[in-house]
Amino acid sequence: MALPVLAQSPQRPCTQAVYLTFDTGHMGVAPLIAQVLQRQQVKVTFFAAQEKTQQGDGTLGQHWAPWWKARAAEGHAFASHTWDHAYWRADLNDAKDQKFRIRPSAGAQAGQDLVWTAQNYCDNLRQAAQRLQDVTGQAPLPLFRAPGGKTSARLLAAAKQCGFAHVAWADAGFLGDELPSGAYPNAQLLQKALRNIRAGDILMAHLGIWSRQDPWAPAVLEPLIQGLKAKGLCFATLREHPSYRDWIGQHPLQLAALPDSRQ
């Protein structure tokens, strides 16, 4: 049986917003997520890295490019998740330059501990942002999410120097789709989210998690959206978030220009 659609009224401004965000993953549930968002008339923010997928040449490869372009046409927002899904591991002391220990989980150096300068990290942020612009035809937000949410004050400062403000998530907004389904069944995660999420919270889930046996999105996403709407909440992208909208307006990313659409 089809679930009812609780649409936001276009005449009613969104004054009790929550901010649903998705990080990339194996993309197996990406088509379903897109269908739910379109059916429920919800706009979200996607944080994208070039990760391994169940099919195709990576989350930002040519196989998935039409999927991203379609989301842009629907009004969603996009931001960097680093190109190599690169985890911060530690700050390193260096007299000459800021350096960090980084472990990518995607790309040619996946699983290796690397030493990156601040410039290396910024370049990886910009590579994902540039690819997002290329495939969506839309400038991404000057925001990023560090994989795993792992950062340091030095890393955040370095990213801001090259134009990227970091976005974490609210405690209640950790939707749990990466947790083991045996210990954290979907029904439990849904009930917890509906009980605890409040206006202003940033919510975080993924476009597929390899390790979870019982996928989260098919069971939880639409009931969660409907339940939050029933509580009087509405959905907005991070363009409208009070902590980020001024930064977004004042720090547009300087990326390679998009091709002229008339050509």
Protein backbone atom coordinates (compact mmCIF):
# COMPACT_ATOMS: atom_id res chain seq x y z
CA MET A 1 0.00 0.00 0.00
CA ALA A 2 1.38 3.40 -0.94
CA LEU A 3 2.18 5.67 1.96
CA PRO A 4 0.26 8.97 2.08
CA VAL A 5 2.09 12.12 1.10
CA LEU A 6 2.21 14.86 3.70
CA ALA A 7 3.39 17.72 1.53
CA GLN A 8 4.62 21.06 2.81
CA SER A 9 2.23 23.78 1.76
CA PRO A 10 3.90 26.16 -0.68
CA GLN A 11 1.97 29.00 1.01
CA ARG A 12 3.31 28.17 4.46
CA PRO A 13 6.93 29.21 5.14
CA CYS A 14 9.20 26.69 6.81
CA THR A 15 9.66 28.13 10.30
CA GLN A 16 10.36 24.88 12.22
CA ALA A 17 13.00 23.44 9.93
CA VAL A 18 15.16 20.39 10.21
CA TYR A 19 18.03 19.84 7.80
CA LEU A 20 18.26 16.34 6.34
CA THR A 21 21.66 15.51 4.86
CA PHE A 22 23.02 12.45 3.09
CA ASP A 23 26.64 11.36 2.76
CA THR A 24 27.58 9.13 -0.14
CA GLY A 25 27.72 5.33 0.20
CA HIS A 26 27.33 2.29 -2.03
CA MET A 27 24.36 3.98 -3.81
CA GLY A 28 22.22 0.85 -3.75
CA VAL A 29 19.39 2.77 -2.06
CA ALA A 30 19.99 6.05 -3.92
CA PRO A 31 17.11 5.58 -6.41
CA LEU A 32 14.69 4.76 -3.59
CA ILE A 33 15.84 7.77 -1.57
CA ALA A 34 15.32 10.03 -4.57
CA GLN A 35 11.80 8.68 -5.05
CA VAL A 36 10.90 9.27 -1.40
CA LEU A 37 12.27 12.81 -1.41
CA GLN A 38 10.37 13.66 -4.57
CA ARG A 39 7.15 12.07 -3.33
CA GLN A 40 7.35 13.88 0.01
CA GLN A 41 8.53 17.16 -1.57
CA VAL A 42 11.55 17.34 0.71
CA LYS A 43 14.80 19.11 -0.20
CA VAL A 44 18.07 17.88 1.33
CA THR A 45 21.82 18.50 1.19
CA PHE A 46 24.12 15.82 -0.22
CA PHE A 47 27.78 15.52 0.82
CA ALA A 48 29.63 13.61 -1.86
CA ALA A 49 32.94 11.77 -2.16
CA GLN A 50 34.14 9.44 -4.92
CA GLU A 51 33.35 6.18 -3.10
CA LYS A 52 33.04 2.59 -4.26
CA THR A 53 29.53 1.64 -5.36
CA GLN A 54 27.54 -1.54 -5.93
CA GLN A 55 27.47 -0.72 -9.63
CA GLY A 56 29.26 1.80 -11.77
CA ASP A 57 32.52 3.71 -11.52
CA GLY A 58 32.14 5.36 -8.12
CA THR A 59 29.62 7.72 -6.57
CA LEU A 60 30.81 10.67 -8.66
CA GLY A 61 31.66 8.69 -11.79
CA GLN A 62 29.86 8.77 -15.10
CA HIS A 63 27.45 5.99 -14.17
CA TRP A 64 25.83 8.09 -11.43
CA ALA A 65 26.21 11.49 -13.12
CA PRO A 66 22.59 11.51 -14.42
CA TRP A 67 21.32 10.74 -10.91
CA TRP A 68 23.15 13.77 -9.48
CA LYS A 69 21.97 16.02 -12.30
CA ALA A 70 18.36 14.99 -11.67
CA ARG A 71 18.69 15.85 -7.97
CA ALA A 72 20.02 19.29 -8.88
CA ALA A 73 16.98 19.87 -11.10
CA GLU A 74 14.75 19.04 -8.10
CA GLY A 75 16.36 21.77 -5.98
CA HIS A 76 18.64 19.83 -3.64
CA ALA A 77 21.98 21.24 -2.46
CA PHE A 78 25.46 19.69 -2.68
CA ALA A 79 28.78 19.93 -0.85
CA SER A 80 32.14 18.19 -0.57
CA HIS A 81 32.80 15.08 1.50
CA THR A 82 36.47 15.02 0.31
CA TRP A 83 37.26 13.26 -2.96
CA ASP A 84 38.92 10.19 -1.41
CA HIS A 85 36.59 9.92 1.61
CA ALA A 86 39.68 10.90 3.57
CA TYR A 87 39.57 10.42 7.35
CA TRP A 88 41.50 12.80 9.59
CA ARG A 89 43.59 10.75 12.02
CA ALA A 90 45.88 13.24 13.77
CA ASP A 91 47.52 16.64 13.61
CA LEU A 92 51.28 16.46 13.01
CA ASN A 93 53.86 18.88 14.34
CA ASP A 94 55.87 20.47 11.57
CA ALA A 95 57.87 23.67 11.85
CA LYS A 96 57.29 24.65 8.22
CA ASP A 97 53.73 23.67 7.41
CA GLN A 98 50.46 22.38 8.81
CA LYS A 99 50.35 18.65 8.29
CA PHE A 100 47.86 15.93 9.11
CA ARG A 101 47.76 12.16 9.22
CA ILE A 102 45.00 11.15 6.80
CA ARG A 103 43.59 7.73 5.88
CA PRO A 104 41.48 7.59 2.71
CA SER A 105 38.86 4.87 2.47
CA ALA A 106 38.47 5.30 -1.31
CA GLY A 107 40.79 5.77 -4.24
CA ALA A 108 44.19 4.33 -5.07
CA GLN A 109 45.56 4.86 -1.55
CA ALA A 110 42.56 3.54 0.38
CA GLY A 111 43.49 2.17 3.79
CA GLN A 112 46.93 3.78 3.86
CA ASP A 113 48.08 6.30 6.46
CA LEU A 114 49.28 9.37 4.58
CA VAL A 115 50.79 12.72 5.53
CA TRP A 116 48.93 15.60 3.93
CA THR A 117 49.58 19.31 4.07
CA ALA A 118 46.71 21.73 4.51
CA GLN A 119 46.95 22.34 0.78
CA ASN A 120 46.63 18.61 0.05
CA TYR A 121 43.47 18.47 2.15
CA CYS A 122 42.04 21.58 0.49
CA ASP A 123 42.80 20.16 -2.95
CA ASN A 124 40.87 17.00 -2.04
CA LEU A 125 37.91 19.05 -0.85
CA ARG A 126 37.97 21.09 -4.05
CA GLN A 127 38.25 18.03 -6.29
CA ALA A 128 34.93 16.69 -4.98
CA ALA A 129 33.33 20.13 -5.20
CA GLN A 130 34.52 20.61 -8.77
CA ARG A 131 33.18 17.22 -9.81
CA LEU A 132 29.83 17.99 -8.17
CA GLN A 133 29.64 21.21 -10.15
CA ASP A 134 30.55 19.39 -13.36
CA VAL A 135 27.88 16.69 -12.98
CA THR A 136 25.07 18.83 -11.53
CA GLY A 137 25.60 22.06 -13.46
CA GLN A 138 25.19 23.80 -10.10
CA ALA A 139 27.75 25.46 -7.83
CA PRO A 140 28.16 23.41 -4.64
CA LEU A 141 27.94 25.06 -1.24
CA PRO A 142 31.18 26.28 0.41
CA LEU A 143 30.70 23.60 3.06
CA PHE A 144 32.12 20.16 3.73
CA ARG A 145 31.65 17.19 5.99
CA ALA A 146 34.71 15.31 7.13
CA PRO A 147 34.27 11.53 6.81
CA GLY A 148 33.18 10.12 10.13
CA GLY A 149 32.82 13.69 11.37
CA LYS A 150 36.46 13.41 12.50
CA THR A 151 38.26 16.75 12.65
CA SER A 152 40.57 18.90 14.72
CA ALA A 153 40.62 22.64 15.33
CA ARG A 154 43.65 22.89 13.03
CA LEU A 155 41.94 20.95 10.24
CA LEU A 156 38.81 23.08 10.47
CA ALA A 157 40.88 26.27 10.37
CA ALA A 158 42.83 25.03 7.34
CA ALA A 159 39.59 24.16 5.50
CA LYS A 160 38.11 27.57 6.28
CA GLN A 161 41.23 29.22 4.88
CA CYS A 162 40.43 27.64 1.51
CA GLY A 163 36.73 28.42 1.68
CA PHE A 164 35.03 25.43 3.34
CA ALA A 165 33.08 25.53 6.61
CA HIS A 166 32.46 22.20 8.32
CA VAL A 167 29.00 20.73 8.93
CA ALA A 168 28.51 18.10 11.62
CA TRP A 169 25.11 16.86 12.86
CA ALA A 170 22.96 17.07 15.96
CA ASP A 171 23.14 14.25 18.49
CA ALA A 172 19.49 13.45 17.78
CA GLY A 173 20.23 13.79 14.07
CA PHE A 174 22.53 10.76 13.98
CA LEU A 175 19.98 8.49 12.31
CA GLY A 176 21.96 5.30 12.89
CA ASP A 177 21.93 3.82 9.40
CA GLU A 178 25.58 2.77 9.77
CA LEU A 179 24.99 0.84 13.00
CA PRO A 180 24.61 -2.99 13.02
CA SER A 181 20.98 -3.82 12.36
CA GLY A 182 20.98 -6.72 14.84
CA ALA A 183 21.63 -4.40 17.77
CA TYR A 184 19.87 -1.36 16.29
CA PRO A 185 16.80 -2.51 14.33
CA ASN A 186 15.07 -0.08 12.02
CA ALA A 187 11.96 0.24 14.18
CA GLN A 188 14.08 1.25 17.16
CA LEU A 189 16.01 3.83 15.13
CA LEU A 190 12.78 5.32 13.79
CA GLN A 191 11.20 5.61 17.24
CA LYS A 192 14.32 7.21 18.69
CA ALA A 193 14.54 9.77 15.88
CA LEU A 194 10.87 10.73 16.11
CA ARG A 195 11.17 11.08 19.88
CA ASN A 196 14.31 13.20 19.97
CA ILE A 197 14.61 15.34 16.82
CA ARG A 198 13.82 19.02 17.31
CA ALA A 199 13.59 22.07 15.06
CA GLY A 200 17.01 23.27 13.97
CA ASP A 201 18.63 19.82 14.04
CA ILE A 202 20.90 18.66 11.24
CA LEU A 203 20.15 15.02 10.39
CA MET A 204 22.63 12.62 8.78
CA ALA A 205 22.23 9.37 6.86
CA HIS A 206 23.96 7.74 3.88
CA LEU A 207 23.27 6.65 0.32
CA GLY A 208 23.91 3.04 1.34
CA ILE A 209 26.02 1.34 4.05
CA TRP A 210 27.95 -1.80 3.13
CA SER A 211 27.99 -3.34 6.60
CA ARG A 212 24.33 -3.01 7.60
CA GLN A 213 22.39 -6.20 6.95
CA ASP A 214 18.88 -4.71 7.07
CA PRO A 215 19.01 -1.49 5.02
CA TRP A 216 17.79 1.60 6.83
CA ALA A 217 16.32 3.74 4.06
CA PRO A 218 13.59 1.40 2.73
CA ALA A 219 12.11 0.95 6.21
CA VAL A 220 12.75 4.27 7.93
CA LEU A 221 13.14 7.24 5.58
CA GLU A 222 9.55 7.85 4.53
CA PRO A 223 7.96 7.12 7.94
CA LEU A 224 10.56 9.43 9.50
CA ILE A 225 9.74 12.28 7.11
CA GLN A 226 6.02 11.79 7.63
CA GLY A 227 6.38 11.59 11.40
CA LEU A 228 8.44 14.78 11.59
CA LYS A 229 5.93 16.59 9.38
CA ALA A 230 3.15 15.42 11.69
CA LYS A 231 5.02 17.05 14.59
CA GLY A 232 4.92 20.37 12.73
CA LEU A 233 8.48 20.24 11.41
CA CYS A 234 9.51 21.00 7.84
CA PHE A 235 12.63 20.44 5.75
CA ALA A 236 15.19 22.81 4.27
CA THR A 237 18.65 22.60 2.76
CA LEU A 238 21.72 24.01 4.47
CA ARG A 239 21.41 27.10 2.25
CA GLU A 240 18.78 28.24 4.77
CA HIS A 241 20.53 27.13 7.97
CA PRO A 242 21.08 30.15 10.26
CA SER A 243 24.60 29.01 11.15
CA TYR A 244 25.68 28.72 7.51
CA ARG A 245 23.61 30.98 5.27
CA ASP A 246 25.78 34.07 5.84
CA TRP A 247 28.97 32.08 5.20
CA ILE A 248 27.45 30.63 2.04
CA GLY A 249 26.49 34.06 0.78
CA GLN A 250 29.87 35.60 1.55
CA HIS A 251 32.20 32.77 0.45
CA PRO A 252 31.17 31.37 -2.96
CA LEU A 253 33.60 28.68 -4.07
CA GLN A 254 36.01 29.72 -6.80
CA LEU A 255 35.81 26.73 -9.12
CA ALA A 256 36.37 26.32 -12.84
CA ALA A 257 33.58 28.00 -14.73
CA LEU A 258 30.68 25.95 -15.97
CA PRO A 259 30.41 25.67 -19.76
CA ASP A 260 28.09 28.08 -21.49
CA SER A 261 24.72 26.30 -21.72
CA ARG A 262 24.08 27.97 -25.08
CA GLN A 263 26.95 26.05 -26.69
